[in-house]
Amino acid sequence: MCRGIIDAVKNDRFKSFRWAVQIRAEHARNAELIELMSEAGCVRVYVGFEAVDDEVLAKMNKGQTVEDLVFAVETFKKHGIQIHAMFVVGTDQDPENAATKYAAFATKYGIETVQMLISTPLPGAPLFRELLKEGRIMHFGWNKFDLMHCVTQQLPRHLSPQEIEVQVNEAMREFYSVGYVWRQLRLAPTYFVQERKRRGGSLRVASQVAVMLPILGVYANLSLLWMMIKREVW
């Protein structure tokens, strides 16, 4: 597919375009694939990191380690591809302060955007059957099964459902902090140059790319603050 896009653009069958894709971290080991993705116009990947603890990843049957995740981050960045990392909080295997640790990992390795999702037993999934059998699904108000609310009773010594929701919100705000906005502003010239170097990168598009992440940081922080106020967690 990537070769087809590259060939079509070079032969003026259609204009170059920017695209994103959801991908597993392990594919970063395929150097040829990542190079072709970048050349074909891939600007962002959505990667299910889930956790940054080898023991938790093993219990999730992810088939990947923290070392694999770090390698993936470094590889995508080397090819000018931004990363949206997705993490899962609220599992039985959670380490203490899981959301905070995941946000710190993303900040340390310069991941552009993150998403903290709360483990949710969706109907039809093995987790749903398991927790239903254990009587740990607290209710069936489907409007709360949105991956942002905790609808299951946690094991003893784990955070309560309410505490998990608060921790996720606070960790996201910590990631999309003033420091995040400042870092992205400092990187704006780099994003601008990268976009201009891409085939067909216009001045308008490059300018939009340069300011997108700082604006996103401000918007995300304000949105998360509003969510906390609405939930009356203070």
C-alpha atoms as a PDB file:
ATOM      1  CA  MET A   1       0.000   0.000   0.000  1.00  0.00           C
ATOM      2  CA  CYS A   2       2.769   2.441   0.927  1.00  0.00           C
ATOM      3  CA  ARG A   3       4.660   1.718  -2.272  1.00  0.00           C
ATOM      4  CA  GLY A   4       1.457   2.268  -4.244  1.00  0.00           C
ATOM      5  CA  ILE A   5       0.913   5.676  -2.609  1.00  0.00           C
ATOM      6  CA  ILE A   6       4.519   6.712  -3.215  1.00  0.00           C
ATOM      7  CA  ASP A   7       4.381   5.657  -6.858  1.00  0.00           C
ATOM      8  CA  ALA A   8       1.044   7.383  -7.486  1.00  0.00           C
ATOM      9  CA  VAL A   9       2.271  10.656  -5.986  1.00  0.00           C
ATOM     10  CA  LYS A  10       5.555  10.574  -7.920  1.00  0.00           C
ATOM     11  CA  ASN A  11       3.659  10.003 -11.166  1.00  0.00           C
ATOM     12  CA  ASP A  12       1.142  12.764 -10.369  1.00  0.00           C
ATOM     13  CA  ARG A  13      -1.840  10.418 -10.326  1.00  0.00           C
ATOM     14  CA  PHE A  14      -2.946  12.214  -7.173  1.00  0.00           C
ATOM     15  CA  LYS A  15      -1.561  14.753  -4.698  1.00  0.00           C
ATOM     16  CA  SER A  16       0.309  13.703  -1.591  1.00  0.00           C
ATOM     17  CA  PHE A  17      -1.732  13.530   1.587  1.00  0.00           C
ATOM     18  CA  ARG A  18      -1.173  13.063   5.305  1.00  0.00           C
ATOM     19  CA  TRP A  19      -2.520  10.022   7.093  1.00  0.00           C
ATOM     20  CA  ALA A  20      -2.483   8.262  10.451  1.00  0.00           C
ATOM     21  CA  VAL A  21      -2.844   4.614  11.392  1.00  0.00           C
ATOM     22  CA  GLN A  22      -3.372   2.423  14.436  1.00  0.00           C
ATOM     23  CA  ILE A  23      -0.460   0.021  14.743  1.00  0.00           C
ATOM     24  CA  ARG A  24       1.176  -2.336  17.221  1.00  0.00           C
ATOM     25  CA  ALA A  25       4.523  -1.357  18.740  1.00  0.00           C
ATOM     26  CA  GLU A  26       6.160  -4.529  17.405  1.00  0.00           C
ATOM     27  CA  HIS A  27       5.864  -3.276  13.814  1.00  0.00           C
ATOM     28  CA  ALA A  28       8.544  -0.699  14.587  1.00  0.00           C
ATOM     29  CA  ARG A  29      11.011  -3.610  14.246  1.00  0.00           C
ATOM     30  CA  ASN A  30      10.211  -3.678  10.529  1.00  0.00           C
ATOM     31  CA  ALA A  31      12.568  -0.905   9.405  1.00  0.00           C
ATOM     32  CA  GLU A  32      11.509  -1.075   5.753  1.00  0.00           C
ATOM     33  CA  LEU A  33       7.832  -0.712   6.649  1.00  0.00           C
ATOM     34  CA  ILE A  34       8.384   2.358   8.846  1.00  0.00           C
ATOM     35  CA  GLU A  35      10.552   4.046   6.208  1.00  0.00           C
ATOM     36  CA  LEU A  36       7.884   3.449   3.568  1.00  0.00           C
ATOM     37  CA  MET A  37       5.136   4.690   5.880  1.00  0.00           C
ATOM     38  CA  SER A  38       6.998   7.938   6.437  1.00  0.00           C
ATOM     39  CA  GLU A  39       7.702   8.423   2.737  1.00  0.00           C
ATOM     40  CA  ALA A  40       4.071   7.659   1.881  1.00  0.00           C
ATOM     41  CA  GLY A  41       2.841  10.442   4.165  1.00  0.00           C
ATOM     42  CA  CYS A  42       2.167   8.801   7.546  1.00  0.00           C
ATOM     43  CA  VAL A  43       2.436  11.561  10.134  1.00  0.00           C
ATOM     44  CA  ARG A  44       0.970   9.877  13.215  1.00  0.00           C
ATOM     45  CA  VAL A  45       0.553   6.417  14.719  1.00  0.00           C
ATOM     46  CA  TYR A  46      -1.911   5.328  17.397  1.00  0.00           C
ATOM     47  CA  VAL A  47      -0.257   2.681  19.554  1.00  0.00           C
ATOM     48  CA  GLY A  48      -1.830   0.608  22.334  1.00  0.00           C
ATOM     49  CA  PHE A  49       0.931   0.796  24.954  1.00  0.00           C
ATOM     50  CA  GLU A  50      -1.579  -0.289  27.666  1.00  0.00           C
ATOM     51  CA  ALA A  51       1.093  -0.248  30.414  1.00  0.00           C
ATOM     52  CA  VAL A  52       4.787   0.368  31.015  1.00  0.00           C
ATOM     53  CA  ASP A  53       5.385  -2.520  33.384  1.00  0.00           C
ATOM     54  CA  ASP A  54       6.637  -5.859  32.024  1.00  0.00           C
ATOM     55  CA  GLU A  55       4.647  -7.877  34.550  1.00  0.00           C
ATOM     56  CA  VAL A  56       1.407  -6.064  33.746  1.00  0.00           C
ATOM     57  CA  LEU A  57       2.012  -6.385  29.995  1.00  0.00           C
ATOM     58  CA  ALA A  58       2.591 -10.122  30.389  1.00  0.00           C
ATOM     59  CA  LYS A  59      -0.675 -10.581  32.311  1.00  0.00           C
ATOM     60  CA  MET A  60      -2.447  -8.631  29.564  1.00  0.00           C
ATOM     61  CA  ASN A  61      -1.003 -11.061  26.982  1.00  0.00           C
ATOM     62  CA  LYS A  62       0.316  -8.096  24.992  1.00  0.00           C
ATOM     63  CA  GLY A  63       3.362  -9.950  23.726  1.00  0.00           C
ATOM     64  CA  GLN A  64       5.528  -6.866  24.224  1.00  0.00           C
ATOM     65  CA  THR A  65       7.890  -5.443  26.824  1.00  0.00           C
ATOM     66  CA  VAL A  66       8.746  -1.935  27.992  1.00  0.00           C
ATOM     67  CA  GLU A  67      11.952  -2.242  25.951  1.00  0.00           C
ATOM     68  CA  ASP A  68       9.815  -2.861  22.847  1.00  0.00           C
ATOM     69  CA  LEU A  69       7.758   0.259  23.596  1.00  0.00           C
ATOM     70  CA  VAL A  70      10.827   2.456  24.023  1.00  0.00           C
ATOM     71  CA  PHE A  71      12.290   1.107  20.782  1.00  0.00           C
ATOM     72  CA  ALA A  72       9.031   1.849  18.984  1.00  0.00           C
ATOM     73  CA  VAL A  73       8.955   5.432  20.265  1.00  0.00           C
ATOM     74  CA  GLU A  74      12.534   6.062  19.185  1.00  0.00           C
ATOM     75  CA  THR A  75      11.957   4.489  15.761  1.00  0.00           C
ATOM     76  CA  PHE A  76       8.801   6.424  14.938  1.00  0.00           C
ATOM     77  CA  LYS A  77      10.381   9.678  16.090  1.00  0.00           C
ATOM     78  CA  LYS A  78      13.465   9.050  13.966  1.00  0.00           C
ATOM     79  CA  HIS A  79      11.189   8.943  10.922  1.00  0.00           C
ATOM     80  CA  GLY A  80       9.264  12.083  11.858  1.00  0.00           C
ATOM     81  CA  ILE A  81       6.096  10.200  12.841  1.00  0.00           C
ATOM     82  CA  GLN A  82       4.218  11.490  15.876  1.00  0.00           C
ATOM     83  CA  ILE A  83       2.874   9.068  18.482  1.00  0.00           C
ATOM     84  CA  HIS A  84      -0.492   8.888  20.221  1.00  0.00           C
ATOM     85  CA  ALA A  85      -0.031   6.426  23.092  1.00  0.00           C
ATOM     86  CA  MET A  86      -3.039   4.716  24.649  1.00  0.00           C
ATOM     87  CA  PHE A  87      -2.874   3.325  28.194  1.00  0.00           C
ATOM     88  CA  VAL A  88      -5.328   1.250  30.253  1.00  0.00           C
ATOM     89  CA  VAL A  89      -5.910   1.927  33.950  1.00  0.00           C
ATOM     90  CA  GLY A  90      -8.079   0.052  36.427  1.00  0.00           C
ATOM     91  CA  THR A  91      -7.045  -3.544  35.753  1.00  0.00           C
ATOM     92  CA  ASP A  92      -6.442  -6.066  38.508  1.00  0.00           C
ATOM     93  CA  GLN A  93      -2.740  -5.946  37.647  1.00  0.00           C
ATOM     94  CA  ASP A  94      -2.353  -2.185  38.043  1.00  0.00           C
ATOM     95  CA  PRO A  95       0.788  -1.016  39.834  1.00  0.00           C
ATOM     96  CA  GLU A  96       0.343   1.726  42.423  1.00  0.00           C
ATOM     97  CA  ASN A  97      -0.392   5.117  40.849  1.00  0.00           C
ATOM     98  CA  ALA A  98      -0.534   3.517  37.402  1.00  0.00           C
ATOM     99  CA  ALA A  99      -1.929   6.529  35.535  1.00  0.00           C
ATOM    100  CA  THR A 100       0.692   8.850  37.022  1.00  0.00           C
ATOM    101  CA  LYS A 101       3.497   6.460  36.032  1.00  0.00           C
ATOM    102  CA  TYR A 102       2.162   6.181  32.486  1.00  0.00           C
ATOM    103  CA  ALA A 103       1.972   9.956  32.117  1.00  0.00           C
ATOM    104  CA  ALA A 104       5.533  10.297  33.426  1.00  0.00           C
ATOM    105  CA  PHE A 105       6.747   7.689  30.908  1.00  0.00           C
ATOM    106  CA  ALA A 106       5.091   9.536  28.034  1.00  0.00           C
ATOM    107  CA  THR A 107       6.620  12.832  29.121  1.00  0.00           C
ATOM    108  CA  LYS A 108      10.078  11.302  29.570  1.00  0.00           C
ATOM    109  CA  TYR A 109      10.152   9.900  26.037  1.00  0.00           C
ATOM    110  CA  GLY A 110       8.570  12.903  24.367  1.00  0.00           C
ATOM    111  CA  ILE A 111       5.385  11.185  23.214  1.00  0.00           C
ATOM    112  CA  GLU A 112       3.219  13.797  21.516  1.00  0.00           C
ATOM    113  CA  THR A 113      -0.243  12.831  22.816  1.00  0.00           C
ATOM    114  CA  VAL A 114      -1.670  10.292  25.258  1.00  0.00           C
ATOM    115  CA  GLN A 115      -5.020   8.818  26.145  1.00  0.00           C
ATOM    116  CA  MET A 116      -5.787   7.156  29.477  1.00  0.00           C
ATOM    117  CA  LEU A 117      -8.641   4.686  29.234  1.00  0.00           C
ATOM    118  CA  ILE A 118     -10.294   2.880  32.130  1.00  0.00           C
ATOM    119  CA  SER A 119     -10.570  -0.887  31.810  1.00  0.00           C
ATOM    120  CA  THR A 120     -14.203  -1.572  30.913  1.00  0.00           C
ATOM    121  CA  PRO A 121     -15.966  -4.969  30.587  1.00  0.00           C
ATOM    122  CA  LEU A 122     -17.677  -4.535  27.223  1.00  0.00           C
ATOM    123  CA  PRO A 123     -20.450  -7.083  26.512  1.00  0.00           C
ATOM    124  CA  GLY A 124     -19.169 -10.061  24.563  1.00  0.00           C
ATOM    125  CA  ALA A 125     -15.581  -9.706  25.764  1.00  0.00           C
ATOM    126  CA  PRO A 126     -13.953 -12.333  28.026  1.00  0.00           C
ATOM    127  CA  LEU A 127     -13.475  -9.657  30.706  1.00  0.00           C
ATOM    128  CA  PHE A 128     -17.231  -9.027  30.758  1.00  0.00           C
ATOM    129  CA  ARG A 129     -18.002 -12.703  31.349  1.00  0.00           C
ATOM    130  CA  GLU A 130     -15.292 -12.985  33.991  1.00  0.00           C
ATOM    131  CA  LEU A 131     -16.365  -9.955  36.019  1.00  0.00           C
ATOM    132  CA  LEU A 132     -20.066 -10.759  35.601  1.00  0.00           C
ATOM    133  CA  LYS A 133     -19.439 -14.203  37.080  1.00  0.00           C
ATOM    134  CA  GLU A 134     -17.543 -12.626  39.987  1.00  0.00           C
ATOM    135  CA  GLY A 135     -20.341 -10.116  40.567  1.00  0.00           C
ATOM    136  CA  ARG A 136     -17.981  -7.151  40.163  1.00  0.00           C
ATOM    137  CA  ILE A 137     -19.891  -5.168  37.519  1.00  0.00           C
ATOM    138  CA  MET A 138     -21.524  -2.458  39.612  1.00  0.00           C
ATOM    139  CA  HIS A 139     -24.318  -1.482  37.209  1.00  0.00           C
ATOM    140  CA  PHE A 140     -25.418  -1.666  33.581  1.00  0.00           C
ATOM    141  CA  GLY A 141     -25.912   2.005  32.845  1.00  0.00           C
ATOM    142  CA  TRP A 142     -24.473   1.728  29.356  1.00  0.00           C
ATOM    143  CA  ASN A 143     -23.875   5.476  29.049  1.00  0.00           C
ATOM    144  CA  LYS A 144     -21.078   4.996  31.608  1.00  0.00           C
ATOM    145  CA  PHE A 145     -19.399   2.218  29.593  1.00  0.00           C
ATOM    146  CA  ASP A 146     -17.391   4.846  27.719  1.00  0.00           C
ATOM    147  CA  LEU A 147     -13.855   3.942  28.906  1.00  0.00           C
ATOM    148  CA  MET A 148     -13.805   7.111  31.015  1.00  0.00           C
ATOM    149  CA  HIS A 149     -15.866   5.800  33.958  1.00  0.00           C
ATOM    150  CA  CYS A 150     -14.994   2.886  36.232  1.00  0.00           C
ATOM    151  CA  VAL A 151     -17.990   0.520  36.325  1.00  0.00           C
ATOM    152  CA  THR A 152     -16.367  -2.420  38.133  1.00  0.00           C
ATOM    153  CA  GLN A 153     -15.626  -3.137  41.757  1.00  0.00           C
ATOM    154  CA  GLN A 154     -11.878  -3.219  42.309  1.00  0.00           C
ATOM    155  CA  LEU A 155     -10.004  -5.845  44.279  1.00  0.00           C
ATOM    156  CA  PRO A 156      -9.057  -5.159  47.919  1.00  0.00           C
ATOM    157  CA  ARG A 157      -6.046  -2.841  48.305  1.00  0.00           C
ATOM    158  CA  HIS A 158      -6.765  -1.325  44.882  1.00  0.00           C
ATOM    159  CA  LEU A 159      -8.097   2.175  44.346  1.00  0.00           C
ATOM    160  CA  SER A 160     -11.840   2.615  44.511  1.00  0.00           C
ATOM    161  CA  PRO A 161     -13.712   3.247  41.228  1.00  0.00           C
ATOM    162  CA  GLN A 162     -14.026   6.932  42.113  1.00  0.00           C
ATOM    163  CA  GLU A 163     -10.322   7.195  42.955  1.00  0.00           C
ATOM    164  CA  ILE A 164      -9.401   5.606  39.621  1.00  0.00           C
ATOM    165  CA  GLU A 165     -11.460   8.175  37.717  1.00  0.00           C
ATOM    166  CA  VAL A 166      -9.825  11.014  39.641  1.00  0.00           C
ATOM    167  CA  GLN A 167      -6.318   9.587  39.141  1.00  0.00           C
ATOM    168  CA  VAL A 168      -6.834   9.230  35.392  1.00  0.00           C
ATOM    169  CA  ASN A 169      -8.072  12.801  35.139  1.00  0.00           C
ATOM    170  CA  GLU A 170      -5.220  14.167  37.216  1.00  0.00           C
ATOM    171  CA  ALA A 171      -2.600  12.192  35.278  1.00  0.00           C
ATOM    172  CA  MET A 172      -3.940  13.496  31.977  1.00  0.00           C
ATOM    173  CA  ARG A 173      -3.853  17.057  33.309  1.00  0.00           C
ATOM    174  CA  GLU A 174      -0.308  16.477  34.526  1.00  0.00           C
ATOM    175  CA  PHE A 175       0.715  15.359  31.036  1.00  0.00           C
ATOM    176  CA  TYR A 176      -1.082  18.215  29.234  1.00  0.00           C
ATOM    177  CA  SER A 177       0.342  20.765  31.666  1.00  0.00           C
ATOM    178  CA  VAL A 178       1.821  24.213  31.100  1.00  0.00           C
ATOM    179  CA  GLY A 179       5.149  22.414  30.701  1.00  0.00           C
ATOM    180  CA  TYR A 180       3.683  20.372  27.852  1.00  0.00           C
ATOM    181  CA  VAL A 181       2.445  23.502  26.090  1.00  0.00           C
ATOM    182  CA  TRP A 182       5.845  25.160  26.511  1.00  0.00           C
ATOM    183  CA  ARG A 183       7.716  22.113  25.152  1.00  0.00           C
ATOM    184  CA  GLN A 184       5.453  21.952  22.114  1.00  0.00           C
ATOM    185  CA  LEU A 185       5.899  25.663  21.467  1.00  0.00           C
ATOM    186  CA  ARG A 186       9.674  25.168  21.489  1.00  0.00           C
ATOM    187  CA  LEU A 187       9.270  22.269  19.056  1.00  0.00           C
ATOM    188  CA  ALA A 188       6.939  24.204  16.754  1.00  0.00           C
ATOM    189  CA  PRO A 189       9.776  25.321  14.418  1.00  0.00           C
ATOM    190  CA  THR A 190      10.917  21.695  14.112  1.00  0.00           C
ATOM    191  CA  TYR A 191       7.399  20.536  13.205  1.00  0.00           C
ATOM    192  CA  PHE A 192       7.173  23.380  10.687  1.00  0.00           C
ATOM    193  CA  VAL A 193      10.437  22.408   8.969  1.00  0.00           C
ATOM    194  CA  GLN A 194       9.539  18.697   8.954  1.00  0.00           C
ATOM    195  CA  GLU A 195       6.223  19.410   7.269  1.00  0.00           C
ATOM    196  CA  ARG A 196       7.764  21.740   4.698  1.00  0.00           C
ATOM    197  CA  LYS A 197      10.287  19.055   3.758  1.00  0.00           C
ATOM    198  CA  ARG A 198       7.536  16.552   3.034  1.00  0.00           C
ATOM    199  CA  ARG A 199       6.490  16.277  -0.583  1.00  0.00           C
ATOM    200  CA  GLY A 200       3.949  19.005  -1.260  1.00  0.00           C
ATOM    201  CA  GLY A 201       4.103  20.450   2.272  1.00  0.00           C
ATOM    202  CA  SER A 202       2.465  23.870   1.899  1.00  0.00           C
ATOM    203  CA  LEU A 203       3.191  26.896   4.056  1.00  0.00           C
ATOM    204  CA  ARG A 204      -0.386  26.859   5.370  1.00  0.00           C
ATOM    205  CA  VAL A 205      -0.332  23.184   6.357  1.00  0.00           C
ATOM    206  CA  ALA A 206       3.134  23.488   7.919  1.00  0.00           C
ATOM    207  CA  SER A 207       1.945  26.419  10.020  1.00  0.00           C
ATOM    208  CA  GLN A 208      -1.113  24.459  11.186  1.00  0.00           C
ATOM    209  CA  VAL A 209       1.041  21.472  12.127  1.00  0.00           C
ATOM    210  CA  ALA A 210       3.451  23.705  14.061  1.00  0.00           C
ATOM    211  CA  VAL A 211       0.770  25.152  16.362  1.00  0.00           C
ATOM    212  CA  MET A 212      -1.550  22.144  16.619  1.00  0.00           C
ATOM    213  CA  LEU A 213       0.004  20.472  19.684  1.00  0.00           C
ATOM    214  CA  PRO A 214       0.366  23.610  21.848  1.00  0.00           C
ATOM    215  CA  ILE A 215      -3.287  24.445  21.171  1.00  0.00           C
ATOM    216  CA  LEU A 216      -4.270  20.848  21.896  1.00  0.00           C
ATOM    217  CA  GLY A 217      -2.433  21.006  25.232  1.00  0.00           C
ATOM    218  CA  VAL A 218      -4.365  24.090  26.348  1.00  0.00           C
ATOM    219  CA  TYR A 219      -7.686  22.646  25.182  1.00  0.00           C
ATOM    220  CA  ALA A 220      -7.062  19.257  26.832  1.00  0.00           C
ATOM    221  CA  ASN A 221      -6.099  20.789  30.172  1.00  0.00           C
ATOM    222  CA  LEU A 222      -9.155  23.054  30.276  1.00  0.00           C
ATOM    223  CA  SER A 223     -11.463  20.201  29.220  1.00  0.00           C
ATOM    224  CA  LEU A 224     -10.089  17.891  31.903  1.00  0.00           C
ATOM    225  CA  LEU A 225     -10.407  20.633  34.511  1.00  0.00           C
ATOM    226  CA  TRP A 226     -14.049  21.096  33.541  1.00  0.00           C
ATOM    227  CA  MET A 227     -14.634  17.338  33.816  1.00  0.00           C
ATOM    228  CA  MET A 228     -13.216  17.372  37.338  1.00  0.00           C
ATOM    229  CA  ILE A 229     -15.457  20.277  38.319  1.00  0.00           C
ATOM    230  CA  LYS A 230     -18.531  18.535  36.915  1.00  0.00           C
ATOM    231  CA  ARG A 231     -17.751  15.386  38.876  1.00  0.00           C
ATOM    232  CA  GLU A 232     -17.296  17.485  42.003  1.00  0.00           C
ATOM    233  CA  VAL A 233     -14.111  15.667  42.919  1.00  0.00           C
ATOM    234  CA  TRP A 234     -12.973  18.684  44.879  1.00  0.00           C
END
